[in-house]
N, C-alpha and C. Protein backbone atom coordinates (compact mmCIF):
# COMPACT_ATOMS: atom_id res chain seq x y z
N MET A 1 19.51 41.29 58.16
CA MET A 1 20.53 40.97 57.20
C MET A 1 20.00 41.27 55.82
N LYS A 2 20.80 41.90 55.01
CA LYS A 2 20.38 42.26 53.66
C LYS A 2 20.85 41.19 52.68
N ALA A 3 20.07 41.01 51.59
CA ALA A 3 20.44 40.05 50.56
C ALA A 3 21.73 40.45 49.87
N ASP A 4 22.02 41.74 49.81
CA ASP A 4 23.25 42.19 49.15
C ASP A 4 24.50 41.72 49.88
N SER A 5 24.40 41.52 51.18
CA SER A 5 25.58 41.12 51.94
C SER A 5 25.85 39.62 51.81
N VAL A 6 24.85 38.82 51.44
CA VAL A 6 25.02 37.38 51.35
C VAL A 6 25.26 36.92 49.91
N LEU A 7 24.48 37.45 49.00
CA LEU A 7 24.55 37.02 47.61
C LEU A 7 25.52 37.90 46.82
N PRO A 8 26.35 37.29 46.00
CA PRO A 8 27.25 38.11 45.18
C PRO A 8 26.45 38.85 44.12
N ARG A 9 26.93 40.03 43.79
CA ARG A 9 26.28 40.83 42.75
C ARG A 9 26.73 40.34 41.39
N ARG A 10 25.76 40.16 40.51
CA ARG A 10 26.07 39.78 39.12
C ARG A 10 25.57 40.89 38.23
N PRO A 11 26.33 41.22 37.25
CA PRO A 11 25.86 42.26 36.34
C PRO A 11 24.65 41.75 35.54
N GLY A 12 23.71 42.65 35.27
CA GLY A 12 22.53 42.32 34.48
C GLY A 12 22.88 42.30 33.00
N PRO A 13 21.91 42.06 32.18
CA PRO A 13 22.16 42.05 30.74
C PRO A 13 22.69 43.40 30.29
N GLY A 14 23.57 43.37 29.39
CA GLY A 14 24.18 44.59 28.87
C GLY A 14 25.62 44.32 28.50
N PRO A 15 26.37 45.37 28.21
CA PRO A 15 27.75 45.18 27.76
C PRO A 15 28.66 44.60 28.84
N GLU A 16 28.31 44.81 30.11
CA GLU A 16 29.19 44.30 31.17
C GLU A 16 28.83 42.88 31.60
N ALA A 17 27.78 42.29 31.04
CA ALA A 17 27.38 40.93 31.40
C ALA A 17 28.40 39.93 30.87
N PRO A 18 28.69 38.90 31.66
CA PRO A 18 29.67 37.91 31.20
C PRO A 18 29.12 37.09 30.04
N CYS A 19 29.96 36.77 29.10
CA CYS A 19 29.55 35.99 27.92
C CYS A 19 29.81 34.51 28.11
N ASP A 20 30.59 34.15 29.12
CA ASP A 20 30.92 32.74 29.30
C ASP A 20 29.77 31.93 29.92
N ASP A 21 28.68 32.58 30.32
CA ASP A 21 27.53 31.87 30.88
C ASP A 21 26.67 31.21 29.81
N VAL A 22 26.78 31.66 28.58
CA VAL A 22 25.96 31.14 27.50
C VAL A 22 26.63 29.91 26.92
N PRO A 23 25.97 28.75 27.03
CA PRO A 23 26.61 27.53 26.52
C PRO A 23 26.61 27.52 24.99
N PHE A 24 27.63 26.90 24.45
CA PHE A 24 27.73 26.73 23.02
C PHE A 24 26.84 25.56 22.62
N THR A 25 25.94 25.80 21.69
CA THR A 25 24.97 24.77 21.35
C THR A 25 25.46 23.81 20.28
N GLY A 26 26.44 24.17 19.54
CA GLY A 26 26.97 23.27 18.51
C GLY A 26 25.88 22.87 17.54
N ARG A 27 25.57 21.59 17.43
CA ARG A 27 24.58 21.08 16.49
C ARG A 27 23.16 21.23 17.03
N ARG A 28 22.98 21.79 18.15
CA ARG A 28 21.64 21.91 18.75
C ARG A 28 20.98 23.23 18.36
N GLY A 29 21.24 23.71 17.19
CA GLY A 29 20.67 24.97 16.73
C GLY A 29 19.24 24.79 16.25
N ARG A 30 18.73 25.83 15.62
CA ARG A 30 17.34 25.82 15.16
C ARG A 30 17.10 24.75 14.10
N LEU A 31 18.05 24.56 13.19
CA LEU A 31 17.86 23.57 12.14
C LEU A 31 17.75 22.17 12.74
N HIS A 32 18.61 21.88 13.71
CA HIS A 32 18.54 20.57 14.36
C HIS A 32 17.21 20.39 15.07
N SER A 33 16.74 21.43 15.76
CA SER A 33 15.46 21.37 16.47
C SER A 33 14.32 21.17 15.50
N ALA A 34 14.37 21.83 14.35
CA ALA A 34 13.31 21.69 13.35
C ALA A 34 13.28 20.27 12.80
N ARG A 35 14.45 19.71 12.53
CA ARG A 35 14.50 18.34 12.02
C ARG A 35 13.95 17.36 13.06
N HIS A 36 14.32 17.58 14.31
CA HIS A 36 13.83 16.72 15.39
C HIS A 36 12.31 16.82 15.52
N ALA A 37 11.79 18.03 15.41
CA ALA A 37 10.34 18.22 15.51
C ALA A 37 9.61 17.53 14.36
N VAL A 38 10.16 17.62 13.16
CA VAL A 38 9.54 16.97 12.02
C VAL A 38 9.57 15.45 12.20
N ALA A 39 10.71 14.93 12.63
CA ALA A 39 10.83 13.49 12.83
C ALA A 39 9.86 13.01 13.91
N ALA A 40 9.66 13.80 14.94
CA ALA A 40 8.74 13.42 16.01
C ALA A 40 7.29 13.50 15.56
N ALA A 41 6.98 14.40 14.62
CA ALA A 41 5.60 14.59 14.18
C ALA A 41 5.16 13.56 13.13
N LEU A 42 6.10 13.00 12.41
CA LEU A 42 5.73 12.10 11.30
C LEU A 42 4.85 10.91 11.69
N PRO A 43 5.14 10.21 12.78
CA PRO A 43 4.24 9.09 13.12
C PRO A 43 2.80 9.54 13.39
N GLY A 44 2.63 10.66 14.06
CA GLY A 44 1.29 11.18 14.33
C GLY A 44 0.59 11.60 13.05
N VAL A 45 1.34 12.26 12.16
CA VAL A 45 0.77 12.67 10.88
C VAL A 45 0.33 11.45 10.09
N GLY A 46 1.16 10.43 10.09
CA GLY A 46 0.81 9.20 9.39
C GLY A 46 -0.41 8.54 9.98
N ALA A 47 -0.49 8.51 11.30
CA ALA A 47 -1.63 7.87 11.96
C ALA A 47 -2.92 8.63 11.71
N VAL A 48 -2.88 9.96 11.82
CA VAL A 48 -4.08 10.77 11.57
C VAL A 48 -4.53 10.61 10.13
N THR A 49 -3.57 10.71 9.21
CA THR A 49 -3.90 10.60 7.79
C THR A 49 -4.47 9.23 7.47
N THR A 50 -3.88 8.19 8.02
CA THR A 50 -4.39 6.83 7.77
C THR A 50 -5.81 6.67 8.29
N GLY A 51 -6.08 7.13 9.50
CA GLY A 51 -7.43 7.04 10.05
C GLY A 51 -8.45 7.78 9.20
N LEU A 52 -8.09 8.97 8.73
CA LEU A 52 -9.00 9.75 7.90
C LEU A 52 -9.19 9.12 6.53
N LEU A 53 -8.11 8.54 5.98
CA LEU A 53 -8.24 7.84 4.70
C LEU A 53 -9.15 6.61 4.82
N VAL A 54 -9.09 5.94 5.95
CA VAL A 54 -9.98 4.79 6.17
C VAL A 54 -11.44 5.27 6.17
N LEU A 55 -11.71 6.38 6.85
CA LEU A 55 -13.08 6.92 6.85
C LEU A 55 -13.51 7.34 5.45
N ALA A 56 -12.60 7.95 4.70
CA ALA A 56 -12.92 8.35 3.33
C ALA A 56 -13.19 7.11 2.46
N ALA A 57 -12.41 6.06 2.65
CA ALA A 57 -12.60 4.83 1.88
C ALA A 57 -13.93 4.17 2.21
N ILE A 58 -14.28 4.13 3.49
CA ILE A 58 -15.57 3.57 3.88
C ILE A 58 -16.70 4.36 3.23
N GLY A 59 -16.58 5.68 3.26
CA GLY A 59 -17.59 6.53 2.63
C GLY A 59 -17.70 6.28 1.14
N ALA A 60 -16.56 6.10 0.48
CA ALA A 60 -16.58 5.84 -0.96
C ALA A 60 -17.23 4.49 -1.26
N MET A 61 -16.97 3.51 -0.42
CA MET A 61 -17.53 2.17 -0.65
C MET A 61 -19.05 2.15 -0.47
N ILE A 62 -19.55 2.90 0.50
CA ILE A 62 -21.00 2.86 0.75
C ILE A 62 -21.74 4.02 0.09
N GLY A 63 -21.01 4.91 -0.53
CA GLY A 63 -21.64 6.04 -1.22
C GLY A 63 -22.22 7.09 -0.29
N GLU A 64 -21.67 7.21 0.89
CA GLU A 64 -22.12 8.19 1.90
C GLU A 64 -20.91 8.95 2.43
N PRO A 65 -21.07 10.22 2.74
CA PRO A 65 -19.95 10.94 3.36
C PRO A 65 -19.80 10.54 4.82
N VAL A 66 -18.75 9.82 5.12
CA VAL A 66 -18.48 9.39 6.49
C VAL A 66 -17.50 10.36 7.15
N LEU A 67 -16.60 10.90 6.36
CA LEU A 67 -15.60 11.83 6.88
C LEU A 67 -16.19 13.23 6.93
N ILE A 68 -16.42 13.73 8.13
CA ILE A 68 -16.90 15.09 8.31
C ILE A 68 -15.83 15.87 9.07
N PRO A 69 -15.83 17.19 8.98
CA PRO A 69 -14.77 17.99 9.60
C PRO A 69 -14.53 17.71 11.08
N SER A 70 -15.58 17.49 11.83
CA SER A 70 -15.40 17.26 13.26
C SER A 70 -14.64 15.98 13.55
N LEU A 71 -14.75 14.99 12.68
CA LEU A 71 -14.00 13.74 12.87
C LEU A 71 -12.52 13.95 12.58
N ALA A 72 -12.20 14.81 11.64
CA ALA A 72 -10.80 15.14 11.38
C ALA A 72 -10.19 15.82 12.61
N ALA A 73 -10.97 16.70 13.24
CA ALA A 73 -10.49 17.34 14.47
C ALA A 73 -10.32 16.31 15.58
N SER A 74 -11.23 15.36 15.67
CA SER A 74 -11.11 14.31 16.68
C SER A 74 -9.86 13.47 16.46
N ALA A 75 -9.55 13.15 15.22
CA ALA A 75 -8.33 12.38 14.93
C ALA A 75 -7.10 13.15 15.41
N GLY A 76 -7.09 14.45 15.20
CA GLY A 76 -5.97 15.25 15.69
C GLY A 76 -5.86 15.23 17.20
N VAL A 77 -6.99 15.32 17.88
CA VAL A 77 -6.99 15.28 19.35
C VAL A 77 -6.48 13.93 19.84
N LEU A 78 -6.96 12.85 19.23
CA LEU A 78 -6.55 11.50 19.65
C LEU A 78 -5.05 11.30 19.57
N HIS A 79 -4.45 11.78 18.49
CA HIS A 79 -3.04 11.50 18.26
C HIS A 79 -2.10 12.54 18.86
N SER A 80 -2.60 13.74 19.11
CA SER A 80 -1.70 14.74 19.70
C SER A 80 -1.76 14.75 21.23
N THR A 81 -2.88 14.34 21.80
CA THR A 81 -3.02 14.33 23.26
C THR A 81 -3.67 13.04 23.72
N PRO A 82 -3.03 11.89 23.48
CA PRO A 82 -3.68 10.60 23.76
C PRO A 82 -3.98 10.33 25.22
N ALA A 83 -3.34 11.00 26.13
CA ALA A 83 -3.56 10.72 27.55
C ALA A 83 -4.62 11.62 28.19
N LEU A 84 -5.03 12.66 27.49
CA LEU A 84 -6.00 13.59 28.09
C LEU A 84 -7.42 13.01 28.07
N PRO A 85 -8.25 13.44 29.00
CA PRO A 85 -9.63 12.96 29.05
C PRO A 85 -10.41 13.22 27.75
N VAL A 86 -10.11 14.31 27.04
CA VAL A 86 -10.84 14.62 25.81
C VAL A 86 -10.57 13.61 24.70
N ALA A 87 -9.50 12.84 24.82
CA ALA A 87 -9.14 11.88 23.78
C ALA A 87 -9.58 10.45 24.10
N GLN A 88 -10.11 10.22 25.26
CA GLN A 88 -10.47 8.86 25.65
C GLN A 88 -11.72 8.39 24.90
N PRO A 89 -11.82 7.10 24.63
CA PRO A 89 -12.92 6.58 23.81
C PRO A 89 -14.31 7.02 24.27
N ARG A 90 -14.54 7.01 25.55
CA ARG A 90 -15.86 7.42 26.06
C ARG A 90 -16.18 8.84 25.63
N SER A 91 -15.22 9.73 25.79
CA SER A 91 -15.44 11.13 25.41
C SER A 91 -15.65 11.27 23.91
N VAL A 92 -14.85 10.59 23.12
CA VAL A 92 -14.94 10.72 21.67
C VAL A 92 -16.30 10.21 21.17
N VAL A 93 -16.64 9.01 21.52
CA VAL A 93 -17.87 8.39 21.00
C VAL A 93 -19.11 9.07 21.56
N VAL A 94 -19.20 9.18 22.87
CA VAL A 94 -20.41 9.74 23.50
C VAL A 94 -20.59 11.21 23.13
N ALA A 95 -19.52 11.98 23.12
CA ALA A 95 -19.64 13.41 22.81
C ALA A 95 -20.15 13.64 21.39
N HIS A 96 -19.66 12.86 20.43
CA HIS A 96 -20.16 13.04 19.06
C HIS A 96 -21.64 12.65 18.96
N LEU A 97 -22.03 11.61 19.67
CA LEU A 97 -23.45 11.24 19.67
C LEU A 97 -24.30 12.30 20.35
N LEU A 98 -23.79 12.89 21.42
CA LEU A 98 -24.50 14.00 22.06
C LEU A 98 -24.59 15.20 21.13
N GLY A 99 -23.53 15.44 20.37
CA GLY A 99 -23.54 16.54 19.40
C GLY A 99 -24.59 16.33 18.33
N ALA A 100 -24.67 15.11 17.82
CA ALA A 100 -25.71 14.81 16.82
C ALA A 100 -27.09 14.98 17.44
N GLY A 101 -27.25 14.48 18.67
CA GLY A 101 -28.54 14.61 19.35
C GLY A 101 -28.93 16.06 19.56
N ALA A 102 -27.97 16.89 19.96
CA ALA A 102 -28.26 18.31 20.16
C ALA A 102 -28.63 18.97 18.83
N GLY A 103 -27.95 18.58 17.77
CA GLY A 103 -28.27 19.14 16.46
C GLY A 103 -29.68 18.79 16.02
N TYR A 104 -30.05 17.53 16.18
CA TYR A 104 -31.39 17.12 15.79
C TYR A 104 -32.46 17.71 16.71
N ALA A 105 -32.14 17.89 17.99
CA ALA A 105 -33.09 18.52 18.90
C ALA A 105 -33.36 19.97 18.50
N VAL A 106 -32.31 20.68 18.14
CA VAL A 106 -32.48 22.06 17.70
C VAL A 106 -33.29 22.10 16.41
N LEU A 107 -33.00 21.18 15.48
CA LEU A 107 -33.75 21.15 14.22
C LEU A 107 -35.23 20.84 14.43
N ALA A 108 -35.54 20.11 15.49
CA ALA A 108 -36.94 19.81 15.79
C ALA A 108 -37.69 21.05 16.25
N LEU A 109 -36.95 22.03 16.76
CA LEU A 109 -37.59 23.23 17.30
C LEU A 109 -37.55 24.43 16.38
N VAL A 110 -36.45 24.57 15.64
CA VAL A 110 -36.28 25.74 14.76
C VAL A 110 -35.67 25.30 13.43
N PRO A 111 -35.84 26.10 12.39
CA PRO A 111 -35.27 25.72 11.10
C PRO A 111 -33.74 25.87 11.08
N SER A 112 -33.16 25.24 10.09
CA SER A 112 -31.70 25.30 9.91
C SER A 112 -31.25 26.71 9.56
N SER A 113 -30.29 27.20 10.31
CA SER A 113 -29.70 28.52 10.05
C SER A 113 -28.39 28.60 10.81
N PRO A 114 -27.57 29.57 10.49
CA PRO A 114 -26.35 29.74 11.29
C PRO A 114 -26.64 29.98 12.78
N TRP A 115 -27.76 30.64 13.06
CA TRP A 115 -28.13 30.92 14.45
C TRP A 115 -28.47 29.62 15.19
N SER A 116 -29.24 28.77 14.54
CA SER A 116 -29.60 27.51 15.18
C SER A 116 -28.39 26.57 15.27
N ALA A 117 -27.48 26.66 14.30
CA ALA A 117 -26.26 25.85 14.37
C ALA A 117 -25.40 26.28 15.56
N ALA A 118 -25.32 27.59 15.79
CA ALA A 118 -24.56 28.09 16.94
C ALA A 118 -25.20 27.62 18.24
N LEU A 119 -26.52 27.64 18.29
CA LEU A 119 -27.23 27.16 19.47
C LEU A 119 -26.94 25.67 19.71
N ALA A 120 -26.95 24.88 18.65
CA ALA A 120 -26.67 23.44 18.77
C ALA A 120 -25.25 23.20 19.27
N GLY A 121 -24.30 23.99 18.78
CA GLY A 121 -22.92 23.87 19.26
C GLY A 121 -22.81 24.16 20.75
N GLY A 122 -23.50 25.20 21.20
CA GLY A 122 -23.51 25.53 22.63
C GLY A 122 -24.18 24.47 23.47
N LEU A 123 -25.29 23.94 22.97
CA LEU A 123 -25.98 22.86 23.70
C LEU A 123 -25.11 21.61 23.79
N THR A 124 -24.36 21.35 22.74
CA THR A 124 -23.46 20.19 22.78
C THR A 124 -22.40 20.38 23.85
N PHE A 125 -21.84 21.57 23.92
CA PHE A 125 -20.84 21.84 24.95
C PHE A 125 -21.44 21.61 26.34
N ALA A 126 -22.65 22.09 26.55
CA ALA A 126 -23.31 21.90 27.85
C ALA A 126 -23.55 20.42 28.12
N ALA A 127 -24.04 19.70 27.13
CA ALA A 127 -24.34 18.28 27.31
C ALA A 127 -23.08 17.47 27.59
N THR A 128 -22.00 17.75 26.85
CA THR A 128 -20.77 16.99 27.08
C THR A 128 -20.15 17.33 28.43
N THR A 129 -20.33 18.55 28.86
CA THR A 129 -19.82 18.93 30.18
C THR A 129 -20.61 18.21 31.28
N LEU A 130 -21.92 18.20 31.16
CA LEU A 130 -22.76 17.53 32.16
C LEU A 130 -22.52 16.02 32.16
N ALA A 131 -22.28 15.45 31.00
CA ALA A 131 -22.05 14.01 30.90
C ALA A 131 -20.61 13.62 31.22
N ARG A 132 -19.79 14.60 31.51
CA ARG A 132 -18.36 14.40 31.79
C ARG A 132 -17.68 13.63 30.65
N THR A 133 -18.01 14.07 29.43
CA THR A 133 -17.39 13.52 28.23
C THR A 133 -16.89 14.68 27.37
N PRO A 134 -15.91 15.43 27.87
CA PRO A 134 -15.46 16.61 27.13
C PRO A 134 -14.78 16.21 25.82
N HIS A 135 -15.22 16.84 24.73
CA HIS A 135 -14.60 16.60 23.43
C HIS A 135 -15.10 17.71 22.50
N SER A 136 -14.35 18.77 22.40
CA SER A 136 -14.81 19.95 21.67
C SER A 136 -15.14 19.72 20.20
N PRO A 137 -14.49 18.78 19.48
CA PRO A 137 -14.92 18.57 18.10
C PRO A 137 -16.38 18.14 17.96
N ALA A 138 -16.98 17.63 19.02
CA ALA A 138 -18.39 17.24 18.96
C ALA A 138 -19.30 18.44 18.77
N CYS A 139 -18.87 19.61 19.20
CA CYS A 139 -19.65 20.83 18.96
C CYS A 139 -19.79 21.07 17.46
N ALA A 140 -18.73 20.76 16.71
CA ALA A 140 -18.78 20.90 15.26
C ALA A 140 -19.72 19.87 14.64
N THR A 141 -19.83 18.70 15.24
CA THR A 141 -20.78 17.71 14.74
C THR A 141 -22.21 18.26 14.81
N ALA A 142 -22.53 18.93 15.90
CA ALA A 142 -23.86 19.54 16.03
C ALA A 142 -24.09 20.59 14.95
N VAL A 143 -23.07 21.37 14.67
CA VAL A 143 -23.18 22.39 13.63
C VAL A 143 -23.41 21.74 12.27
N VAL A 144 -22.67 20.67 11.98
CA VAL A 144 -22.84 19.95 10.72
C VAL A 144 -24.27 19.43 10.60
N VAL A 145 -24.79 18.86 11.66
CA VAL A 145 -26.16 18.32 11.64
C VAL A 145 -27.16 19.42 11.31
N VAL A 146 -27.04 20.55 11.96
CA VAL A 146 -28.01 21.63 11.75
C VAL A 146 -27.88 22.23 10.35
N LEU A 147 -26.67 22.43 9.88
CA LEU A 147 -26.50 23.08 8.58
C LEU A 147 -26.71 22.14 7.40
N GLN A 148 -26.43 20.86 7.58
CA GLN A 148 -26.55 19.90 6.47
C GLN A 148 -27.83 19.08 6.53
N THR A 149 -28.47 18.99 7.66
CA THR A 149 -29.69 18.22 7.92
C THR A 149 -29.67 16.82 7.31
N PRO A 150 -28.69 15.99 7.71
CA PRO A 150 -28.65 14.62 7.19
C PRO A 150 -29.76 13.77 7.82
N PRO A 151 -30.12 12.67 7.16
CA PRO A 151 -31.14 11.77 7.76
C PRO A 151 -30.65 11.25 9.11
N PRO A 152 -31.45 11.39 10.16
CA PRO A 152 -30.99 11.09 11.52
C PRO A 152 -30.48 9.67 11.76
N VAL A 153 -31.23 8.67 11.38
CA VAL A 153 -30.83 7.30 11.71
C VAL A 153 -29.54 6.93 10.99
N ARG A 154 -29.49 7.19 9.70
CA ARG A 154 -28.31 6.84 8.92
C ARG A 154 -27.08 7.62 9.39
N PHE A 155 -27.26 8.93 9.60
CA PHE A 155 -26.13 9.74 10.03
C PHE A 155 -25.60 9.30 11.38
N THR A 156 -26.48 9.05 12.32
CA THR A 156 -26.06 8.66 13.66
C THR A 156 -25.35 7.31 13.65
N ALA A 157 -25.84 6.37 12.85
CA ALA A 157 -25.18 5.07 12.75
C ALA A 157 -23.79 5.22 12.13
N LEU A 158 -23.68 6.01 11.08
CA LEU A 158 -22.37 6.24 10.45
C LEU A 158 -21.43 6.97 11.40
N LEU A 159 -21.96 7.92 12.15
CA LEU A 159 -21.14 8.66 13.10
C LEU A 159 -20.60 7.74 14.19
N LEU A 160 -21.45 6.86 14.70
CA LEU A 160 -21.02 5.90 15.71
C LEU A 160 -19.90 5.03 15.17
N CYS A 161 -20.09 4.49 13.98
CA CYS A 161 -19.05 3.64 13.37
C CYS A 161 -17.77 4.42 13.13
N ALA A 162 -17.89 5.65 12.66
CA ALA A 162 -16.70 6.46 12.38
C ALA A 162 -15.91 6.77 13.64
N THR A 163 -16.60 7.06 14.74
CA THR A 163 -15.87 7.35 15.98
C THR A 163 -15.18 6.10 16.51
N VAL A 164 -15.83 4.96 16.35
CA VAL A 164 -15.20 3.70 16.77
C VAL A 164 -13.96 3.43 15.91
N VAL A 165 -14.05 3.68 14.61
CA VAL A 165 -12.88 3.50 13.72
C VAL A 165 -11.73 4.41 14.17
N LEU A 166 -12.04 5.66 14.51
CA LEU A 166 -10.98 6.57 14.96
C LEU A 166 -10.33 6.08 16.25
N VAL A 167 -11.14 5.61 17.18
CA VAL A 167 -10.60 5.10 18.44
C VAL A 167 -9.72 3.88 18.20
N LEU A 168 -10.18 2.97 17.37
CA LEU A 168 -9.39 1.77 17.07
C LEU A 168 -8.11 2.13 16.32
N ALA A 169 -8.17 3.11 15.44
CA ALA A 169 -6.96 3.56 14.73
C ALA A 169 -5.97 4.18 15.71
N GLY A 170 -6.48 4.94 16.67
CA GLY A 170 -5.60 5.51 17.69
C GLY A 170 -4.96 4.42 18.54
N HIS A 171 -5.73 3.42 18.88
CA HIS A 171 -5.21 2.29 19.66
C HIS A 171 -4.13 1.55 18.88
N ALA A 172 -4.39 1.26 17.61
CA ALA A 172 -3.42 0.54 16.77
C ALA A 172 -2.15 1.37 16.58
N ALA A 173 -2.30 2.65 16.35
CA ALA A 173 -1.13 3.51 16.13
C ALA A 173 -0.26 3.58 17.39
N SER A 174 -0.89 3.60 18.55
CA SER A 174 -0.09 3.69 19.78
C SER A 174 0.66 2.39 20.06
N ARG A 175 0.14 1.28 19.56
CA ARG A 175 0.81 0.00 19.75
C ARG A 175 1.88 -0.25 18.69
N ALA A 176 1.73 0.36 17.54
CA ALA A 176 2.65 0.12 16.42
C ALA A 176 4.00 0.82 16.60
N ARG A 177 4.02 1.90 17.34
CA ARG A 177 5.24 2.69 17.47
C ARG A 177 5.84 2.49 18.85
N ARG A 178 7.07 2.02 18.87
CA ARG A 178 7.77 1.80 20.13
C ARG A 178 7.99 3.14 20.84
N GLY A 179 7.70 3.18 22.10
CA GLY A 179 7.91 4.38 22.90
C GLY A 179 6.78 5.39 22.81
N ALA A 180 5.77 5.12 22.01
CA ALA A 180 4.64 6.04 21.90
C ALA A 180 3.77 5.94 23.15
N ALA A 181 3.10 7.03 23.45
CA ALA A 181 2.17 7.02 24.57
C ALA A 181 1.05 6.02 24.28
N ARG A 182 0.69 5.24 25.26
CA ARG A 182 -0.35 4.22 25.07
C ARG A 182 -1.72 4.88 25.03
N TYR A 183 -2.50 4.45 24.07
CA TYR A 183 -3.86 4.94 23.92
C TYR A 183 -4.78 3.73 23.86
N PRO A 184 -5.86 3.77 24.52
CA PRO A 184 -6.34 4.78 25.46
C PRO A 184 -5.80 4.54 26.86
N VAL A 185 -5.93 5.54 27.67
CA VAL A 185 -5.56 5.39 29.08
C VAL A 185 -6.62 4.54 29.77
N ARG A 186 -7.86 4.74 29.39
CA ARG A 186 -8.97 3.92 29.87
C ARG A 186 -9.99 3.81 28.75
N TRP A 187 -10.64 2.67 28.65
CA TRP A 187 -11.59 2.47 27.56
C TRP A 187 -12.92 3.15 27.83
N TRP A 188 -13.36 3.20 29.06
CA TRP A 188 -14.64 3.82 29.35
C TRP A 188 -14.52 4.68 30.56
């Protein structure tokens, strides 16, 4: 039996294609979709910005840079994909600490350079994969450590506190907005 004998033939796209198959969208056009997208993004933008402002304020109070680029990336991950393993507290906190550790380990062996920073980023990826704490912004933490060479004890303590602040901000933001995805899915 051939498919042509069972299924009716429909004209393909072109001048002979029926126009009544295309639904009228009315108010569901591009402008409506853009407004909806903006309205949906605002709570996340507010939460990310608030978390980063808290880190900046802490840094200003203690006279140390607490807000580093990798933490801004982590805030974005937490609020845009709260249910994924990369956003869970264990991954965020442990991966950044592994990134700092990889950066300092590389610095112990070779001087600071873009080459050694790249090596530290790769080592961080390997370490986070082996530890089952995937969090790609931690690779940037390793790069920051190698290129900026901050004091290890102080930097690591500030990094730990900053990651905890981000996790708690993500938790608070998910509870503050009705219907938002709950964060975290698991604490550890």
